[in-house]
Amino acid sequence: MDKINWKKTKVLVTGADGFIGSHVAKELADRGSEVTAIVRDIKKQSNIDVLGLKNKLNIIHGDLVNFEDCERCFNEYEIEFCFHIAAQAIVGPANRSPLSTFESNIKGTWNILEAARNSKMIKGLVIASSDKAYGQQKKLPYTEESPLNGYYPYDASKACAEILARCYFMTYKIPLAITRNANTYGPADMNFSRIIPDVITRLIKGEEPVIRSDGTPERDYMFIEDAVSAYITLAENLHRKEIVGEAFNFGTGKPISVTELYSKIIKIMGSKAKPKILGEAKNEIDRQYLDSSKAKNMLKWEAKYSIDAGLKKTIEWYKSHLKSQKSSISDDAQKSG
């Protein structure tokens, strides 16, 4: 495989209607790629609408769990590169309904891999795993050599997807690499079960913020622009034989507890609100952060945003988004009045 030039390249981004996938799709469309997305549900508002992508993508209505939908997409749209980012990604629902999580995250991955294997056009794939695939480890930070101890449904599904990806690389020589990203946050994360968008929007609306855990878990939080650059950088290096087939950690390497994170958001927003600590979160790992030195050494990639700089940009986005939502609601009310 030669080094990829995104202009006019036909790229499939699975999960383009979700948070990270939509940002990757937007970056590729901005670079001149012809971007295709497989979308299962037509939601009232998805990230495709929030980021204004509707007229920039080919949108296929289909389901990754259905192999024919994946194969049709690869063939009809002559896909040359695939970013497989789609997943059931929220820990709570994954614990409550493991089968649908396994189906979308594991079967969805093998369908994409098999469609790629049968394709004459494909030049490379980046498969999204997660830092959660490591599960609980005694040794921190996690390196790529740490075992994949996914004990809970979401974590296990990501570990399985990785094993399948490696199998397709080793057996069929499909040029691919795997990302293991830290918790990602930033503008247009519309999943309010995640702490950062939830706390920010509650504070903007003057509501009491809630912390579902006891506030002590530590995580590595990476800003969305750093995550997008991680995906693109890895894809652009797939022509190198020392990169293909490998997994890479992408994170800041600077863990922060939930209560510290909350305090930062409060401070930036100039609020004095005290959170309600529920202490309800179950089956979650206490401390988790990544060593990204392999990505730094081999890909020359590093996270550029500090947590403070990333939070500032994120808070600004939610403020203007909620303001524009309010004004469009009042416009609609005036029209109907």
Protein backbone atom coordinates (compact mmCIF):
# COMPACT_ATOMS: atom_id res chain seq x y z
CA MET A 1 0.00 0.00 0.00
CA ASP A 2 1.25 3.51 -0.85
CA LYS A 3 0.87 6.48 1.48
CA ILE A 4 -2.73 7.63 1.23
CA ASN A 5 -3.81 10.94 -0.29
CA TRP A 6 -7.30 11.76 1.02
CA LYS A 7 -8.39 13.92 -1.92
CA LYS A 8 -11.06 11.99 -3.88
CA THR A 9 -10.32 8.80 -1.88
CA LYS A 10 -13.51 6.79 -1.27
CA VAL A 11 -13.74 6.31 2.48
CA LEU A 12 -16.27 4.45 4.62
CA VAL A 13 -16.67 5.79 8.17
CA THR A 14 -18.84 3.50 10.29
CA GLY A 15 -20.39 5.33 13.23
CA ALA A 16 -20.44 8.63 11.30
CA ASP A 17 -23.72 9.51 13.02
CA GLY A 18 -22.01 9.20 16.43
CA PHE A 19 -19.62 11.48 18.27
CA ILE A 20 -16.12 10.43 17.18
CA GLY A 21 -17.17 9.04 13.79
CA SER A 22 -18.87 12.31 12.80
CA HIS A 23 -15.73 14.32 13.58
CA VAL A 24 -13.56 11.89 11.57
CA ALA A 25 -16.07 12.01 8.66
CA LYS A 26 -16.08 15.83 8.76
CA GLU A 27 -12.27 16.03 8.69
CA LEU A 28 -12.09 13.64 5.72
CA ALA A 29 -14.87 15.47 3.81
CA ASP A 30 -13.01 18.76 4.47
CA ARG A 31 -9.89 17.15 2.98
CA GLY A 32 -11.78 16.25 -0.19
CA SER A 33 -12.52 12.56 0.40
CA GLU A 34 -15.74 10.99 -0.84
CA VAL A 35 -17.13 9.82 2.51
CA THR A 36 -19.81 7.13 2.90
CA ALA A 37 -21.65 6.26 6.11
CA ILE A 38 -23.86 3.30 7.02
CA VAL A 39 -26.63 4.56 9.29
CA ARG A 40 -29.11 2.22 10.97
CA ASP A 41 -31.60 4.54 12.69
CA ILE A 42 -32.94 7.80 11.36
CA LYS A 43 -32.87 9.89 14.52
CA LYS A 44 -34.55 13.25 15.00
CA GLN A 45 -31.11 14.71 15.32
CA SER A 46 -27.85 12.82 14.93
CA ASN A 47 -24.31 14.12 14.77
CA ILE A 48 -24.63 14.21 10.98
CA ASP A 49 -27.13 17.06 11.48
CA VAL A 50 -25.30 18.68 14.42
CA LEU A 51 -22.05 18.98 12.41
CA GLY A 52 -23.88 19.87 9.17
CA LEU A 53 -22.70 16.79 7.28
CA LYS A 54 -25.91 15.72 5.53
CA ASN A 55 -24.88 17.09 2.11
CA LYS A 56 -21.23 16.07 2.49
CA LEU A 57 -21.71 12.30 2.87
CA ASN A 58 -23.19 9.36 0.98
CA ILE A 59 -25.60 7.96 3.56
CA ILE A 60 -26.59 4.29 3.27
CA HIS A 61 -29.49 3.10 5.41
CA GLY A 62 -28.34 -0.24 6.71
CA ASP A 63 -27.04 -2.19 9.69
CA LEU A 64 -23.50 -3.43 10.29
CA VAL A 65 -24.97 -6.56 11.84
CA ASN A 66 -26.30 -7.39 8.35
CA PHE A 67 -23.43 -8.67 6.18
CA GLU A 68 -25.24 -7.87 2.90
CA ASP A 69 -25.46 -4.18 3.89
CA CYS A 70 -21.70 -4.06 4.54
CA GLU A 71 -20.83 -5.89 1.32
CA ARG A 72 -23.14 -3.69 -0.77
CA CYS A 73 -21.54 -0.58 0.68
CA PHE A 74 -17.97 -1.74 -0.12
CA ASN A 75 -18.94 -2.80 -3.66
CA GLU A 76 -21.32 -0.06 -4.79
CA TYR A 77 -19.31 2.80 -3.32
CA GLU A 78 -15.94 1.26 -4.29
CA ILE A 79 -14.55 1.81 -0.79
CA GLU A 80 -10.76 2.25 -0.70
CA PHE A 81 -10.32 2.95 3.00
CA CYS A 82 -12.44 2.21 6.07
CA PHE A 83 -12.49 3.71 9.55
CA HIS A 84 -14.54 1.24 11.61
CA ILE A 85 -15.62 3.37 14.58
CA ALA A 86 -19.26 2.30 15.07
CA ALA A 87 -19.97 0.59 18.38
CA GLN A 88 -22.43 0.34 21.21
CA ALA A 89 -20.11 2.42 23.35
CA ILE A 90 -21.89 3.27 26.58
CA VAL A 91 -20.96 1.10 29.56
CA GLY A 92 -24.39 1.20 31.32
CA PRO A 93 -26.51 -0.08 28.39
CA ALA A 94 -23.74 -2.58 27.54
CA ASN A 95 -24.01 -4.10 31.03
CA ARG A 96 -27.81 -4.15 30.84
CA SER A 97 -28.03 -5.74 27.38
CA PRO A 98 -24.83 -7.65 26.63
CA LEU A 99 -26.20 -9.55 23.61
CA SER A 100 -26.98 -6.47 21.53
CA THR A 101 -23.57 -5.05 22.51
CA PHE A 102 -21.81 -8.26 21.40
CA GLU A 103 -23.81 -8.29 18.20
CA SER A 104 -23.04 -4.72 17.17
CA ASN A 105 -19.44 -4.63 18.41
CA ILE A 106 -18.25 -8.13 17.49
CA LYS A 107 -20.47 -9.26 14.62
CA GLY A 108 -20.42 -5.73 13.17
CA THR A 109 -16.61 -5.93 13.14
CA TRP A 110 -16.40 -9.36 11.50
CA ASN A 111 -18.88 -8.23 8.83
CA ILE A 112 -16.73 -5.19 8.02
CA LEU A 113 -13.57 -7.34 7.94
CA GLU A 114 -15.18 -9.96 5.71
CA ALA A 115 -16.59 -7.31 3.33
CA ALA A 116 -13.08 -5.80 3.15
CA ARG A 117 -11.56 -9.25 2.48
CA ASN A 118 -13.93 -9.75 -0.46
CA SER A 119 -13.30 -6.28 -1.86
CA LYS A 120 -10.95 -5.64 -4.78
CA MET A 121 -10.62 -1.93 -3.96
CA ILE A 122 -9.73 -1.77 -0.26
CA LYS A 123 -6.31 -0.33 0.60
CA GLY A 124 -6.55 -0.16 4.38
CA LEU A 125 -8.65 -0.17 7.55
CA VAL A 126 -8.37 1.43 10.94
CA ILE A 127 -10.32 -0.52 13.56
CA ALA A 128 -11.36 1.34 16.72
CA SER A 129 -10.82 -0.58 19.93
CA SER A 130 -10.65 1.16 23.31
CA ASP A 131 -8.57 1.51 26.45
CA LYS A 132 -11.43 -0.48 28.07
CA ALA A 133 -10.23 -3.62 26.24
CA TYR A 134 -7.38 -3.78 28.79
CA GLY A 135 -9.86 -4.17 31.65
CA GLN A 136 -8.44 -3.86 35.17
CA GLN A 137 -4.64 -3.99 35.31
CA LYS A 138 -2.30 -3.99 38.29
CA LYS A 139 0.33 -2.09 36.35
CA LEU A 140 -0.31 1.49 35.21
CA PRO A 141 -0.13 3.13 32.73
CA TYR A 142 -1.29 0.50 30.23
CA THR A 143 1.12 -0.25 27.40
CA GLU A 144 0.25 -2.11 24.19
CA GLU A 145 1.87 -5.20 25.76
CA SER A 146 -0.64 -5.24 28.64
CA PRO A 147 -3.03 -8.24 28.36
CA LEU A 148 -6.58 -7.64 27.14
CA ASN A 149 -8.60 -8.43 30.28
CA GLY A 150 -12.06 -7.31 29.17
CA TYR A 151 -14.21 -8.63 32.03
CA TYR A 152 -17.40 -6.57 31.47
CA PRO A 153 -19.57 -6.67 28.31
CA TYR A 154 -18.32 -3.52 26.53
CA ASP A 155 -14.68 -4.26 27.44
CA ALA A 156 -14.98 -7.90 26.33
CA SER A 157 -16.64 -6.91 23.04
CA LYS A 158 -13.72 -4.60 22.20
CA ALA A 159 -11.13 -7.26 23.07
CA CYS A 160 -12.98 -9.76 20.81
CA ALA A 161 -13.14 -7.26 17.94
CA GLU A 162 -9.38 -6.77 18.21
CA ILE A 163 -8.70 -10.51 18.09
CA LEU A 164 -10.84 -10.76 14.94
CA ALA A 165 -8.98 -7.84 13.34
CA ARG A 166 -5.62 -9.48 14.10
CA CYS A 167 -6.93 -12.77 12.68
CA TYR A 168 -7.87 -11.07 9.38
CA PHE A 169 -4.49 -9.35 9.24
CA MET A 170 -2.49 -12.53 9.96
CA THR A 171 -4.58 -14.88 7.79
CA TYR A 172 -5.64 -12.68 4.86
CA LYS A 173 -2.99 -9.92 5.00
CA ILE A 174 -5.64 -7.18 5.17
CA PRO A 175 -3.73 -3.93 5.81
CA LEU A 176 -5.15 -2.70 9.09
CA ALA A 177 -4.19 -1.22 12.44
CA ILE A 178 -6.03 -0.80 15.74
CA THR A 179 -6.62 2.27 17.91
CA ARG A 180 -7.00 2.05 21.69
CA ASN A 181 -8.19 5.51 22.65
CA ALA A 182 -8.60 7.14 26.02
CA ASN A 183 -12.00 8.62 27.00
CA THR A 184 -12.75 11.19 24.31
CA TYR A 185 -14.65 14.43 24.85
CA GLY A 186 -15.37 17.64 22.97
CA PRO A 187 -17.95 19.59 20.96
CA ALA A 188 -21.01 17.75 19.64
CA ASP A 189 -20.92 14.81 22.05
CA MET A 190 -24.68 14.41 22.31
CA ASN A 191 -24.51 11.40 24.63
CA PHE A 192 -25.41 12.94 27.94
CA SER A 193 -24.76 9.78 29.93
CA ARG A 194 -21.09 10.80 29.61
CA ILE A 195 -19.89 13.03 32.41
CA ILE A 196 -18.45 16.01 30.48
CA PRO A 197 -21.46 16.89 28.26
CA ASP A 198 -23.84 16.04 31.11
CA VAL A 199 -22.20 18.34 33.69
CA ILE A 200 -21.63 21.21 31.23
CA THR A 201 -25.21 21.25 29.94
CA ARG A 202 -26.70 20.93 33.44
CA LEU A 203 -24.64 23.91 34.62
CA ILE A 204 -25.62 26.00 31.56
CA LYS A 205 -29.29 25.23 32.28
CA GLY A 206 -28.89 25.99 36.01
CA GLU A 207 -29.65 22.38 37.01
CA GLU A 208 -27.98 20.38 39.77
CA PRO A 209 -25.05 18.38 38.34
CA VAL A 210 -24.88 14.68 39.13
CA ILE A 211 -21.88 12.36 39.49
CA ARG A 212 -22.95 8.73 39.05
CA SER A 213 -19.80 7.20 40.58
CA ASP A 214 -18.39 8.05 44.02
CA GLY A 215 -16.13 10.60 42.29
CA THR A 216 -12.85 8.73 42.79
CA PRO A 217 -12.36 6.85 39.45
CA GLU A 218 -9.42 8.20 37.43
CA ARG A 219 -9.43 8.38 33.66
CA ASP A 220 -7.38 9.76 30.80
CA TYR A 221 -9.51 12.34 28.88
CA MET A 222 -8.49 13.18 25.31
CA PHE A 223 -9.91 16.09 23.30
CA ILE A 224 -11.75 15.15 20.08
CA GLU A 225 -9.31 17.00 17.78
CA ASP A 226 -6.48 14.88 19.17
CA ALA A 227 -8.55 11.72 18.63
CA VAL A 228 -9.26 12.67 14.98
CA SER A 229 -5.57 13.36 14.36
CA ALA A 230 -4.77 9.94 15.90
CA TYR A 231 -7.07 8.13 13.44
CA ILE A 232 -5.83 10.06 10.41
CA THR A 233 -2.15 9.78 11.39
CA LEU A 234 -2.43 6.01 11.89
CA ALA A 235 -4.20 5.61 8.53
CA GLU A 236 -1.52 7.65 6.77
CA ASN A 237 1.19 5.36 8.15
CA LEU A 238 -0.38 2.04 7.13
CA HIS A 239 1.98 1.82 4.13
CA ARG A 240 4.82 1.10 6.62
CA LYS A 241 5.36 -2.57 7.35
CA GLU A 242 6.24 -1.88 11.01
CA ILE A 243 2.84 -0.18 11.54
CA VAL A 244 0.43 -2.53 9.75
CA GLY A 245 -1.19 -5.12 12.03
CA GLU A 246 -0.25 -3.16 15.16
CA ALA A 247 -2.36 -1.67 17.97
CA PHE A 248 -1.63 1.83 19.30
CA ASN A 249 -2.60 3.62 22.49
CA PHE A 250 -3.74 7.22 22.04
CA GLY A 251 -4.20 9.38 25.12
CA THR A 252 -2.71 12.21 27.16
CA GLY A 253 -1.13 9.99 29.82
CA LYS A 254 -2.46 12.40 32.46
CA PRO A 255 -5.22 10.77 34.51
CA ILE A 256 -7.70 12.90 36.41
CA SER A 257 -10.36 11.85 38.94
CA VAL A 258 -14.04 12.53 38.34
CA THR A 259 -14.15 15.06 41.20
CA GLU A 260 -11.05 16.88 39.88
CA LEU A 261 -12.59 16.97 36.41
CA TYR A 262 -15.80 18.34 37.88
CA SER A 263 -13.87 21.04 39.77
CA LYS A 264 -12.14 22.13 36.54
CA ILE A 265 -15.48 22.44 34.68
CA ILE A 266 -16.97 24.42 37.61
CA LYS A 267 -13.96 26.76 37.71
CA ILE A 268 -13.91 27.43 33.94
CA MET A 269 -17.66 28.08 33.96
CA GLY A 270 -17.45 30.36 37.02
CA SER A 271 -20.08 28.31 38.88
CA LYS A 272 -20.32 27.42 42.57
CA ALA A 273 -22.67 24.46 42.15
CA LYS A 274 -22.01 21.39 44.27
CA PRO A 275 -22.56 18.03 42.54
CA LYS A 276 -24.90 15.35 43.83
CA ILE A 277 -22.71 12.25 44.22
CA LEU A 278 -24.83 9.15 43.61
CA GLY A 279 -22.15 6.45 44.00
CA GLU A 280 -24.20 4.16 41.73
CA ALA A 281 -21.76 3.22 38.96
CA LYS A 282 -21.09 -0.53 38.91
CA ASN A 283 -18.62 -2.69 36.95
CA GLU A 284 -16.34 0.23 36.21
CA ILE A 285 -12.58 0.27 36.54
CA ASP A 286 -11.04 2.46 39.29
CA ARG A 287 -7.92 3.78 37.58
CA GLN A 288 -7.16 3.71 33.91
CA TYR A 289 -4.70 5.61 31.76
CA LEU A 290 -2.49 4.94 28.78
CA ASP A 291 1.15 5.10 27.84
CA SER A 292 1.16 6.55 24.29
CA SER A 293 4.94 6.47 23.78
CA LYS A 294 4.64 3.87 20.98
CA ALA A 295 2.47 6.34 18.99
CA LYS A 296 4.91 9.14 19.79
CA ASN A 297 7.98 7.14 18.72
CA MET A 298 6.56 5.35 15.67
CA LEU A 299 3.91 7.78 14.39
CA LYS A 300 5.25 11.10 15.75
CA TRP A 301 1.78 11.61 17.29
CA GLU A 302 1.14 13.42 20.56
CA ALA A 303 -1.98 14.89 22.16
CA LYS A 304 -1.82 18.67 21.71
CA TYR A 305 -4.67 19.75 24.03
CA SER A 306 -4.37 20.00 27.81
CA ILE A 307 -7.55 19.16 29.74
CA ASP A 308 -8.11 22.87 30.48
CA ALA A 309 -7.74 23.97 26.83
CA GLY A 310 -10.01 21.13 25.63
CA LEU A 311 -12.67 21.86 28.26
CA LYS A 312 -12.71 25.58 27.37
CA LYS A 313 -13.40 24.81 23.68
CA THR A 314 -16.01 22.22 24.66
CA ILE A 315 -17.86 24.56 27.05
CA GLU A 316 -17.91 27.34 24.43
CA TRP A 317 -19.44 24.95 21.89
CA TYR A 318 -22.25 23.77 24.24
CA LYS A 319 -23.07 27.34 25.22
CA SER A 320 -23.50 28.44 21.60
CA HIS A 321 -25.27 25.17 20.62
CA LEU A 322 -27.85 25.46 23.42
CA LYS A 323 -28.33 29.15 22.61
CA SER A 324 -29.01 28.39 18.93
CA GLN A 325 -31.37 25.55 19.94
CA LYS A 326 -33.30 27.96 22.18
CA SER A 327 -33.60 30.57 19.43
CA SER A 328 -34.79 27.98 16.87
CA ILE A 329 -37.41 26.71 19.37
CA SER A 330 -38.68 30.27 19.95
CA ASP A 331 -38.70 30.86 16.14
CA ASP A 332 -40.82 27.72 15.70
CA ALA A 333 -43.16 28.84 18.51
CA GLN A 334 -43.60 32.24 16.84
CA LYS A 335 -44.34 30.61 13.46
CA SER A 336 -46.92 28.24 14.94
CA GLY A 337 -48.37 31.11 17.02
